[in-house]
PDB file of all heavy atoms in Angstrom:
ATOM      1  N   ASP A   1     -33.093 -19.938 106.379  1.00  0.00           N
ATOM      2  CA  ASP A   1     -32.543 -20.950 107.163  1.00  0.00           C
ATOM      3  C   ASP A   1     -33.025 -22.304 106.689  1.00  0.00           C
ATOM      4  O   ASP A   1     -34.224 -22.611 106.792  1.00  0.00           O
ATOM      5  CB  ASP A   1     -32.880 -20.715 108.622  1.00  0.00           C
ATOM      6  CG  ASP A   1     -32.211 -21.755 109.620  1.00  0.00           C
ATOM      7  OD1 ASP A   1     -31.615 -22.656 109.090  1.00  0.00           O
ATOM      8  OD2 ASP A   1     -32.368 -21.537 110.785  1.00  0.00           O
ATOM      9  N   PRO A   2     -32.113 -23.178 106.206  1.00  0.00           N
ATOM     10  CA  PRO A   2     -32.632 -24.495 105.781  1.00  0.00           C
ATOM     11  C   PRO A   2     -33.269 -25.322 106.812  1.00  0.00           C
ATOM     12  O   PRO A   2     -34.212 -26.118 106.554  1.00  0.00           O
ATOM     13  CB  PRO A   2     -31.396 -25.133 105.152  1.00  0.00           C
ATOM     14  CG  PRO A   2     -30.181 -24.438 105.766  1.00  0.00           C
ATOM     15  CD  PRO A   2     -30.734 -23.048 105.989  1.00  0.00           C
ATOM     16  N   MET A   3     -32.774 -25.156 108.094  1.00  0.00           N
ATOM     17  CA  MET A   3     -33.429 -25.964 109.172  1.00  0.00           C
ATOM     18  C   MET A   3     -34.893 -25.547 109.357  1.00  0.00           C
ATOM     19  O   MET A   3     -35.762 -26.342 109.575  1.00  0.00           O
ATOM     20  CB  MET A   3     -32.669 -25.700 110.498  1.00  0.00           C
ATOM     21  CG  MET A   3     -31.316 -26.282 110.514  1.00  0.00           C
ATOM     22  SD  MET A   3     -31.315 -28.118 110.521  1.00  0.00           S
ATOM     23  CE  MET A   3     -31.764 -28.447 112.240  1.00  0.00           C
ATOM     24  N   GLU A   4     -35.172 -24.268 109.180  1.00  0.00           N
ATOM     25  CA  GLU A   4     -36.608 -23.831 109.296  1.00  0.00           C
ATOM     26  C   GLU A   4     -37.358 -24.338 108.109  1.00  0.00           C
ATOM     27  O   GLU A   4     -38.508 -24.769 108.234  1.00  0.00           O
ATOM     28  CB  GLU A   4     -36.631 -22.300 109.318  1.00  0.00           C
ATOM     29  CG  GLU A   4     -36.123 -21.704 110.602  1.00  0.00           C
ATOM     30  CD  GLU A   4     -36.284 -20.135 110.657  1.00  0.00           C
ATOM     31  OE1 GLU A   4     -36.988 -19.644 109.743  1.00  0.00           O
ATOM     32  OE2 GLU A   4     -35.667 -19.544 111.514  1.00  0.00           O
ATOM     33  N   ARG A   5     -36.811 -24.184 106.875  1.00  0.00           N
ATOM     34  CA  ARG A   5     -37.540 -24.550 105.675  1.00  0.00           C
ATOM     35  C   ARG A   5     -37.925 -26.094 105.700  1.00  0.00           C
ATOM     36  O   ARG A   5     -39.041 -26.459 105.394  1.00  0.00           O
ATOM     37  CB  ARG A   5     -36.765 -24.288 104.461  1.00  0.00           C
ATOM     38  CG  ARG A   5     -36.501 -22.853 104.162  1.00  0.00           C
ATOM     39  CD  ARG A   5     -37.702 -22.054 103.708  1.00  0.00           C
ATOM     40  NE  ARG A   5     -38.453 -21.593 104.877  1.00  0.00           N
ATOM     41  CZ  ARG A   5     -38.095 -20.645 105.705  1.00  0.00           C
ATOM     42  NH1 ARG A   5     -37.018 -19.932 105.475  1.00  0.00           N
ATOM     43  NH2 ARG A   5     -38.841 -20.258 106.700  1.00  0.00           N
ATOM     44  N   PHE A   6     -36.974 -26.915 106.164  1.00  0.00           N
ATOM     45  CA  PHE A   6     -37.227 -28.375 106.184  1.00  0.00           C
ATOM     46  C   PHE A   6     -38.085 -28.721 107.353  1.00  0.00           C
ATOM     47  O   PHE A   6     -38.817 -29.755 107.327  1.00  0.00           O
ATOM     48  CB  PHE A   6     -35.928 -29.193 106.149  1.00  0.00           C
ATOM     49  CG  PHE A   6     -35.158 -28.930 104.885  1.00  0.00           C
ATOM     50  CD1 PHE A   6     -33.748 -28.968 104.917  1.00  0.00           C
ATOM     51  CD2 PHE A   6     -35.757 -28.804 103.673  1.00  0.00           C
ATOM     52  CE1 PHE A   6     -32.973 -28.806 103.764  1.00  0.00           C
ATOM     53  CE2 PHE A   6     -35.043 -28.675 102.522  1.00  0.00           C
ATOM     54  CZ  PHE A   6     -33.674 -28.702 102.552  1.00  0.00           C
ATOM     55  N   ASP A   7     -37.988 -27.995 108.413  1.00  0.00           N
ATOM     56  CA  ASP A   7     -38.797 -28.291 109.656  1.00  0.00           C
ATOM     57  C   ASP A   7     -40.225 -27.955 109.311  1.00  0.00           C
ATOM     58  O   ASP A   7     -41.172 -28.668 109.784  1.00  0.00           O
ATOM     59  CB  ASP A   7     -38.328 -27.505 110.795  1.00  0.00           C
ATOM     60  CG  ASP A   7     -39.073 -27.928 112.163  1.00  0.00           C
ATOM     61  OD1 ASP A   7     -38.944 -29.105 112.485  1.00  0.00           O
ATOM     62  OD2 ASP A   7     -39.639 -27.029 112.765  1.00  0.00           O
ATOM     63  N   GLU A   8     -40.483 -26.955 108.438  1.00  0.00           N
ATOM     64  CA  GLU A   8     -41.837 -26.627 108.024  1.00  0.00           C
ATOM     65  C   GLU A   8     -42.489 -27.722 107.176  1.00  0.00           C
ATOM     66  O   GLU A   8     -43.581 -28.132 107.393  1.00  0.00           O
ATOM     67  CB  GLU A   8     -41.825 -25.352 107.234  1.00  0.00           C
ATOM     68  CG  GLU A   8     -41.482 -24.045 108.074  1.00  0.00           C
ATOM     69  CD  GLU A   8     -41.191 -22.915 107.191  1.00  0.00           C
ATOM     70  OE1 GLU A   8     -40.986 -23.094 105.927  1.00  0.00           O
ATOM     71  OE2 GLU A   8     -41.110 -21.819 107.657  1.00  0.00           O
ATOM     72  N   ASP A   9     -41.723 -28.212 106.230  1.00  0.00           N
ATOM     73  CA  ASP A   9     -42.218 -29.250 105.290  1.00  0.00           C
ATOM     74  C   ASP A   9     -41.067 -30.215 105.056  1.00  0.00           C
ATOM     75  O   ASP A   9     -40.185 -29.896 104.227  1.00  0.00           O
ATOM     76  CB  ASP A   9     -42.755 -28.557 104.017  1.00  0.00           C
ATOM     77  CG  ASP A   9     -43.306 -29.515 103.072  1.00  0.00           C
ATOM     78  OD1 ASP A   9     -43.217 -30.697 103.287  1.00  0.00           O
ATOM     79  OD2 ASP A   9     -43.838 -29.081 102.038  1.00  0.00           O
ATOM     80  N   ALA A  10     -41.168 -31.394 105.554  1.00  0.00           N
ATOM     81  CA  ALA A  10     -40.143 -32.419 105.431  1.00  0.00           C
ATOM     82  C   ALA A  10     -39.976 -32.882 103.967  1.00  0.00           C
ATOM     83  O   ALA A  10     -38.845 -33.306 103.583  1.00  0.00           O
ATOM     84  CB  ALA A  10     -40.388 -33.626 106.335  1.00  0.00           C
ATOM     85  N   LEU A  11     -41.016 -32.799 103.226  1.00  0.00           N
ATOM     86  CA  LEU A  11     -40.920 -33.263 101.797  1.00  0.00           C
ATOM     87  C   LEU A  11     -39.918 -32.411 101.001  1.00  0.00           C
ATOM     88  O   LEU A  11     -39.407 -32.929 100.012  1.00  0.00           O
ATOM     89  CB  LEU A  11     -42.251 -33.133 101.137  1.00  0.00           C
ATOM     90  CG  LEU A  11     -42.434 -33.759  99.704  1.00  0.00           C
ATOM     91  CD1 LEU A  11     -42.070 -35.215  99.696  1.00  0.00           C
ATOM     92  CD2 LEU A  11     -43.659 -33.477  99.043  1.00  0.00           C
ATOM     93  N   ARG A  12     -39.680 -31.158 101.408  1.00  0.00           N
ATOM     94  CA  ARG A  12     -38.761 -30.318 100.766  1.00  0.00           C
ATOM     95  C   ARG A  12     -37.321 -30.926 100.679  1.00  0.00           C
ATOM     96  O   ARG A  12     -36.577 -30.714  99.747  1.00  0.00           O
ATOM     97  CB  ARG A  12     -38.634 -28.994 101.485  1.00  0.00           C
ATOM     98  CG  ARG A  12     -39.878 -28.108 101.257  1.00  0.00           C
ATOM     99  CD  ARG A  12     -39.847 -26.877 102.109  1.00  0.00           C
ATOM    100  NE  ARG A  12     -40.918 -25.899 101.818  1.00  0.00           N
ATOM    101  CZ  ARG A  12     -41.286 -24.928 102.617  1.00  0.00           C
ATOM    102  NH1 ARG A  12     -40.577 -24.618 103.657  1.00  0.00           N
ATOM    103  NH2 ARG A  12     -42.201 -24.110 102.219  1.00  0.00           N
ATOM    104  N   MET A  13     -37.005 -31.765 101.617  1.00  0.00           N
ATOM    105  CA  MET A  13     -35.709 -32.417 101.614  1.00  0.00           C
ATOM    106  C   MET A  13     -35.531 -33.392 100.378  1.00  0.00           C
ATOM    107  O   MET A  13     -34.513 -33.269  99.652  1.00  0.00           O
ATOM    108  CB  MET A  13     -35.383 -33.265 102.932  1.00  0.00           C
ATOM    109  CG  MET A  13     -35.432 -32.336 104.103  1.00  0.00           C
ATOM    110  SD  MET A  13     -35.040 -33.318 105.636  1.00  0.00           S
ATOM    111  CE  MET A  13     -36.573 -34.248 105.840  1.00  0.00           C
ATOM    112  N   LEU A  14     -36.563 -34.127 100.144  1.00  0.00           N
ATOM    113  CA  LEU A  14     -36.490 -35.037  98.996  1.00  0.00           C
ATOM    114  C   LEU A  14     -36.670 -34.204  97.666  1.00  0.00           C
ATOM    115  O   LEU A  14     -36.105 -34.509  96.617  1.00  0.00           O
ATOM    116  CB  LEU A  14     -37.578 -36.098  99.083  1.00  0.00           C
ATOM    117  CG  LEU A  14     -37.511 -37.306  98.181  1.00  0.00           C
ATOM    118  CD1 LEU A  14     -36.109 -37.949  98.190  1.00  0.00           C
ATOM    119  CD2 LEU A  14     -38.575 -38.237  98.462  1.00  0.00           C
ATOM    120  N   ARG A  15     -37.492 -33.151  97.747  1.00  0.00           N
ATOM    121  CA  ARG A  15     -37.640 -32.328  96.606  1.00  0.00           C
ATOM    122  C   ARG A  15     -36.314 -31.644  96.194  1.00  0.00           C
ATOM    123  O   ARG A  15     -36.043 -31.522  95.020  1.00  0.00           O
ATOM    124  CB  ARG A  15     -38.710 -31.159  96.869  1.00  0.00           C
ATOM    125  CG  ARG A  15     -40.072 -31.618  96.697  1.00  0.00           C
ATOM    126  CD  ARG A  15     -41.095 -30.555  97.199  1.00  0.00           C
ATOM    127  NE  ARG A  15     -40.854 -29.262  96.576  1.00  0.00           N
ATOM    128  CZ  ARG A  15     -41.427 -28.857  95.422  1.00  0.00           C
ATOM    129  NH1 ARG A  15     -42.120 -29.769  94.728  1.00  0.00           N
ATOM    130  NH2 ARG A  15     -41.184 -27.603  95.013  1.00  0.00           N
ATOM    131  N   GLY A  16     -35.530 -31.267  97.147  1.00  0.00           N
ATOM    132  CA  GLY A  16     -34.223 -30.673  96.849  1.00  0.00           C
ATOM    133  C   GLY A  16     -33.339 -31.635  96.124  1.00  0.00           C
ATOM    134  O   GLY A  16     -32.652 -31.298  95.157  1.00  0.00           O
ATOM    135  N   ILE A  17     -33.286 -32.893  96.577  1.00  0.00           N
ATOM    136  CA  ILE A  17     -32.512 -33.883  95.950  1.00  0.00           C
ATOM    137  C   ILE A  17     -33.107 -34.160  94.548  1.00  0.00           C
ATOM    138  O   ILE A  17     -32.371 -34.361  93.534  1.00  0.00           O
ATOM    139  CB  ILE A  17     -32.440 -35.172  96.714  1.00  0.00           C
ATOM    140  CG1 ILE A  17     -31.618 -34.826  98.044  1.00  0.00           C
ATOM    141  CG2 ILE A  17     -31.905 -36.356  95.951  1.00  0.00           C
ATOM    142  CD1 ILE A  17     -31.601 -36.025  99.037  1.00  0.00           C
ATOM    143  N   ARG A  18     -34.416 -34.152  94.345  1.00  0.00           N
ATOM    144  CA  ARG A  18     -35.052 -34.368  93.087  1.00  0.00           C
ATOM    145  C   ARG A  18     -34.609 -33.241  92.097  1.00  0.00           C
ATOM    146  O   ARG A  18     -34.328 -33.445  90.934  1.00  0.00           O
ATOM    147  CB  ARG A  18     -36.525 -34.411  93.245  1.00  0.00           C
ATOM    148  CG  ARG A  18     -37.284 -34.757  91.882  1.00  0.00           C
ATOM    149  CD  ARG A  18     -37.912 -33.517  91.357  1.00  0.00           C
ATOM    150  NE  ARG A  18     -39.052 -33.130  92.079  1.00  0.00           N
ATOM    151  CZ  ARG A  18     -39.809 -32.059  91.650  1.00  0.00           C
ATOM    152  NH1 ARG A  18     -39.546 -31.411  90.613  1.00  0.00           N
ATOM    153  NH2 ARG A  18     -40.820 -31.652  92.456  1.00  0.00           N
ATOM    154  N   PHE A  19     -34.665 -31.980  92.554  1.00  0.00           N
ATOM    155  CA  PHE A  19     -34.237 -30.887  91.710  1.00  0.00           C
ATOM    156  C   PHE A  19     -32.783 -31.017  91.343  1.00  0.00           C
ATOM    157  O   PHE A  19     -32.379 -30.701  90.196  1.00  0.00           O
ATOM    158  CB  PHE A  19     -34.480 -29.539  92.462  1.00  0.00           C
ATOM    159  CG  PHE A  19     -35.955 -29.116  92.455  1.00  0.00           C
ATOM    160  CD1 PHE A  19     -36.512 -28.763  93.643  1.00  0.00           C
ATOM    161  CD2 PHE A  19     -36.680 -29.001  91.258  1.00  0.00           C
ATOM    162  CE1 PHE A  19     -37.889 -28.327  93.678  1.00  0.00           C
ATOM    163  CE2 PHE A  19     -38.067 -28.644  91.323  1.00  0.00           C
ATOM    164  CZ  PHE A  19     -38.559 -28.299  92.526  1.00  0.00           C
ATOM    165  N   ALA A  20     -31.966 -31.475  92.264  1.00  0.00           N
ATOM    166  CA  ALA A  20     -30.554 -31.688  91.946  1.00  0.00           C
ATOM    167  C   ALA A  20     -30.346 -32.652  90.803  1.00  0.00           C
ATOM    168  O   ALA A  20     -29.564 -32.511  89.958  1.00  0.00           O
ATOM    169  CB  ALA A  20     -29.793 -32.140  93.200  1.00  0.00           C
ATOM    170  N   GLY A  21     -31.255 -33.678  90.789  1.00  0.00           N
ATOM    171  CA  GLY A  21     -31.178 -34.727  89.725  1.00  0.00           C
ATOM    172  C   GLY A  21     -31.723 -34.194  88.456  1.00  0.00           C
ATOM    173  O   GLY A  21     -31.155 -34.363  87.435  1.00  0.00           O
ATOM    174  N   GLN A  22     -32.886 -33.497  88.470  1.00  0.00           N
ATOM    175  CA  GLN A  22     -33.434 -33.010  87.210  1.00  0.00           C
ATOM    176  C   GLN A  22     -32.594 -31.972  86.543  1.00  0.00           C
ATOM    177  O   GLN A  22     -32.530 -31.874  85.335  1.00  0.00           O
ATOM    178  CB  GLN A  22     -34.841 -32.455  87.557  1.00  0.00           C
ATOM    179  CG  GLN A  22     -35.902 -33.491  87.846  1.00  0.00           C
ATOM    180  CD  GLN A  22     -37.295 -32.901  88.013  1.00  0.00           C
ATOM    181  OE1 GLN A  22     -37.369 -31.893  88.645  1.00  0.00           O
ATOM    182  NE2 GLN A  22     -38.323 -33.509  87.482  1.00  0.00           N
ATOM    183  N   LEU A  23     -31.973 -31.072  87.392  1.00  0.00           N
ATOM    184  CA  LEU A  23     -31.241 -29.925  86.825  1.00  0.00           C
ATOM    185  C   LEU A  23     -29.727 -30.255  86.802  1.00  0.00           C
ATOM    186  O   LEU A  23     -28.943 -29.434  86.270  1.00  0.00           O
ATOM    187  CB  LEU A  23     -31.501 -28.707  87.652  1.00  0.00           C
ATOM    188  CG  LEU A  23     -32.945 -28.326  87.799  1.00  0.00           C
ATOM    189  CD1 LEU A  23     -33.125 -27.142  88.723  1.00  0.00           C
ATOM    190  CD2 LEU A  23     -33.544 -27.956  86.446  1.00  0.00           C
ATOM    191  N   LEU A  24     -29.316 -31.398  87.290  1.00  0.00           N
ATOM    192  CA  LEU A  24     -27.879 -31.754  87.432  1.00  0.00           C
ATOM    193  C   LEU A  24     -27.130 -30.753  88.161  1.00  0.00           C
ATOM    194  O   LEU A  24     -26.054 -30.308  87.888  1.00  0.00           O
ATOM    195  CB  LEU A  24     -27.267 -31.872  85.986  1.00  0.00           C
ATOM    196  CG  LEU A  24     -27.918 -33.060  85.101  1.00  0.00           C
ATOM    197  CD1 LEU A  24     -27.296 -33.050  83.714  1.00  0.00           C
ATOM    198  CD2 LEU A  24     -27.800 -34.372  85.805  1.00  0.00           C
ATOM    199  N   PHE A  25     -27.745 -30.293  89.385  1.00  0.00           N
ATOM    200  CA  PHE A  25     -27.116 -29.334  90.269  1.00  0.00           C
ATOM    201  C   PHE A  25     -26.528 -30.023  91.470  1.00  0.00           C
ATOM    202  O   PHE A  25     -26.752 -31.215  91.691  1.00  0.00           O
ATOM    203  CB  PHE A  25     -28.224 -28.351  90.731  1.00  0.00           C
ATOM    204  CG  PHE A  25     -28.590 -27.236  89.741  1.00  0.00           C
ATOM    205  CD1 PHE A  25     -28.234 -27.331  88.450  1.00  0.00           C
ATOM    206  CD2 PHE A  25     -29.360 -26.187  90.147  1.00  0.00           C
ATOM    207  CE1 PHE A  25     -28.541 -26.374  87.497  1.00  0.00           C
ATOM    208  CE2 PHE A  25     -29.703 -25.150  89.314  1.00  0.00           C
ATOM    209  CZ  PHE A  25     -29.338 -25.265  87.959  1.00  0.00           C
ATOM    210  N   GLN A  26     -25.797 -29.217  92.275  1.00  0.00           N
ATOM    211  CA  GLN A  26     -25.315 -29.671  93.508  1.00  0.00           C
ATOM    212  C   GLN A  26     -26.077 -29.027  94.671  1.00  0.00           C
ATOM    213  O   GLN A  26     -26.675 -27.988  94.534  1.00  0.00           O
ATOM    214  CB  GLN A  26     -23.790 -29.265  93.663  1.00  0.00           C
ATOM    215  CG  GLN A  26     -22.907 -29.868  92.574  1.00  0.00           C
ATOM    216  CD  GLN A  26     -22.936 -31.441  92.536  1.00  0.00           C
ATOM    217  OE1 GLN A  26     -22.856 -32.088  93.569  1.00  0.00           O
ATOM    218  NE2 GLN A  26     -23.026 -31.945  91.317  1.00  0.00           N
ATOM    219  N   ILE A  27     -26.075 -29.686  95.785  1.00  0.00           N
ATOM    220  CA  ILE A  27     -26.784 -29.146  96.952  1.00  0.00           C
ATOM    221  C   ILE A  27     -25.825 -28.347  97.793  1.00  0.00           C
ATOM    222  O   ILE A  27     -24.702 -28.808  98.174  1.00  0.00           O
ATOM    223  CB  ILE A  27     -27.515 -30.212  97.810  1.00  0.00           C
ATOM    224  CG1 ILE A  27     -28.507 -30.955  96.905  1.00  0.00           C
ATOM    225  CG2 ILE A  27     -28.196 -29.626  99.055  1.00  0.00           C
ATOM    226  CD1 ILE A  27     -29.281 -32.105  97.601  1.00  0.00           C
ATOM    227  N   GLU A  28     -26.203 -27.153  98.112  1.00  0.00           N
ATOM    228  CA  GLU A  28     -25.333 -26.185  98.898  1.00  0.00           C
ATOM    229  C   GLU A  28     -25.096 -26.824 100.334  1.00  0.00           C
ATOM    230  O   GLU A  28     -25.922 -27.569 100.840  1.00  0.00           O
ATOM    231  CB  GLU A  28     -26.073 -24.876  99.065  1.00  0.00           C
ATOM    232  CG  GLU A  28     -25.340 -23.754  99.816  1.00  0.00           C
ATOM    233  CD  GLU A  28     -25.829 -23.737 101.303  1.00  0.00           C
ATOM    234  OE1 GLU A  28     -26.985 -24.237 101.529  1.00  0.00           O
ATOM    235  OE2 GLU A  28     -25.125 -23.342 102.140  1.00  0.00           O
ATOM    236  N   GLU A  29     -23.939 -26.523 100.870  1.00  0.00           N
ATOM    237  CA  GLU A  29     -23.446 -27.251 102.053  1.00  0.00           C
ATOM    238  C   GLU A  29     -24.419 -27.182 103.184  1.00  0.00           C
ATOM    239  O   GLU A  29     -24.785 -28.234 103.833  1.00  0.00           O
ATOM    240  CB  GLU A  29     -22.052 -26.702 102.441  1.00  0.00           C
ATOM    241  CG  GLU A  29     -21.478 -27.372 103.683  1.00  0.00           C
ATOM    242  CD  GLU A  29     -20.140 -26.836 104.023  1.00  0.00           C
ATOM    243  OE1 GLU A  29     -19.656 -25.857 103.380  1.00  0.00           O
ATOM    244  OE2 GLU A  29     -19.484 -27.338 104.978  1.00  0.00           O
ATOM    245  N   LYS A  30     -24.875 -26.030 103.576  1.00  0.00           N
ATOM    246  CA  LYS A  30     -25.781 -25.877 104.774  1.00  0.00           C
ATOM    247  C   LYS A  30     -27.105 -26.568 104.488  1.00  0.00           C
ATOM    248  O   LYS A  30     -27.739 -27.163 105.473  1.00  0.00           O
ATOM    249  CB  LYS A  30     -25.997 -24.407 105.141  1.00  0.00           C
ATOM    250  CG  LYS A  30     -24.792 -23.771 105.721  1.00  0.00           C
ATOM    251  CD  LYS A  30     -25.070 -22.309 106.193  1.00  0.00           C
ATOM    252  CE  LYS A  30     -23.800 -21.668 106.886  1.00  0.00           C
ATOM    253  NZ  LYS A  30     -24.125 -20.283 107.232  1.00  0.00           N
ATOM    254  N   THR A  31     -27.517 -26.520 103.244  1.00  0.00           N
ATOM    255  CA  THR A  31     -28.839 -27.198 102.893  1.00  0.00           C
ATOM    256  C   THR A  31     -28.642 -28.741 102.966  1.00  0.00           C
ATOM    257  O   THR A  31     -29.534 -29.414 103.528  1.00  0.00           O
ATOM    258  CB  THR A  31     -29.260 -26.815 101.449  1.00  0.00           C
ATOM    259  OG1 THR A  31     -29.393 -25.393 101.421  1.00  0.00           O
ATOM    260  CG2 THR A  31     -30.504 -27.521 101.050  1.00  0.00           C
ATOM    261  N   TYR A  32     -27.491 -29.225 102.544  1.00  0.00           N
ATOM    262  CA  TYR A  32     -27.195 -30.650 102.632  1.00  0.00           C
ATOM    263  C   TYR A  32     -27.113 -31.068 104.120  1.00  0.00           C
ATOM    264  O   TYR A  32     -27.702 -32.119 104.539  1.00  0.00           O
ATOM    265  CB  TYR A  32     -25.761 -30.927 101.930  1.00  0.00           C
ATOM    266  CG  TYR A  32     -25.373 -32.274 101.950  1.00  0.00           C
ATOM    267  CD1 TYR A  32     -25.754 -33.169 100.962  1.00  0.00           C
ATOM    268  CD2 TYR A  32     -24.499 -32.780 102.984  1.00  0.00           C
ATOM    269  CE1 TYR A  32     -25.225 -34.552 101.015  1.00  0.00           C
ATOM    270  CE2 TYR A  32     -24.048 -34.054 103.050  1.00  0.00           C
ATOM    271  CZ  TYR A  32     -24.436 -34.902 102.050  1.00  0.00           C
ATOM    272  OH  TYR A  32     -23.998 -36.270 102.080  1.00  0.00           O
ATOM    273  N   GLU A  33     -26.468 -30.273 104.903  1.00  0.00           N
ATOM    274  CA  GLU A  33     -26.354 -30.650 106.391  1.00  0.00           C
ATOM    275  C   GLU A  33     -27.723 -30.684 107.034  1.00  0.00           C
ATOM    276  O   GLU A  33     -27.916 -31.547 107.912  1.00  0.00           O
ATOM    277  CB  GLU A  33     -25.384 -29.658 107.081  1.00  0.00           C
ATOM    278  CG  GLU A  33     -23.906 -29.774 106.599  1.00  0.00           C
ATOM    279  CD  GLU A  33     -23.028 -28.711 107.170  1.00  0.00           C
ATOM    280  OE1 GLU A  33     -23.599 -27.741 107.816  1.00  0.00           O
ATOM    281  OE2 GLU A  33     -21.811 -28.766 106.956  1.00  0.00           O
ATOM    282  N   ALA A  34     -28.539 -29.745 106.707  1.00  0.00           N
ATOM    283  CA  ALA A  34     -29.833 -29.692 107.309  1.00  0.00           C
ATOM    284  C   ALA A  34     -30.701 -30.893 106.992  1.00  0.00           C
ATOM    285  O   ALA A  34     -31.505 -31.418 107.781  1.00  0.00           O
ATOM    286  CB  ALA A  34     -30.580 -28.411 106.876  1.00  0.00           C
TER     287      ALA A  34
END
């Protein structure tokens, strides 16, 4: 559950965007919404 993962550690939200940039990936819809 992305809400649980980000509630545990808020830095993960910015890390997810950073990984999207480094790997040229897209963020999955529920992860983006969370």
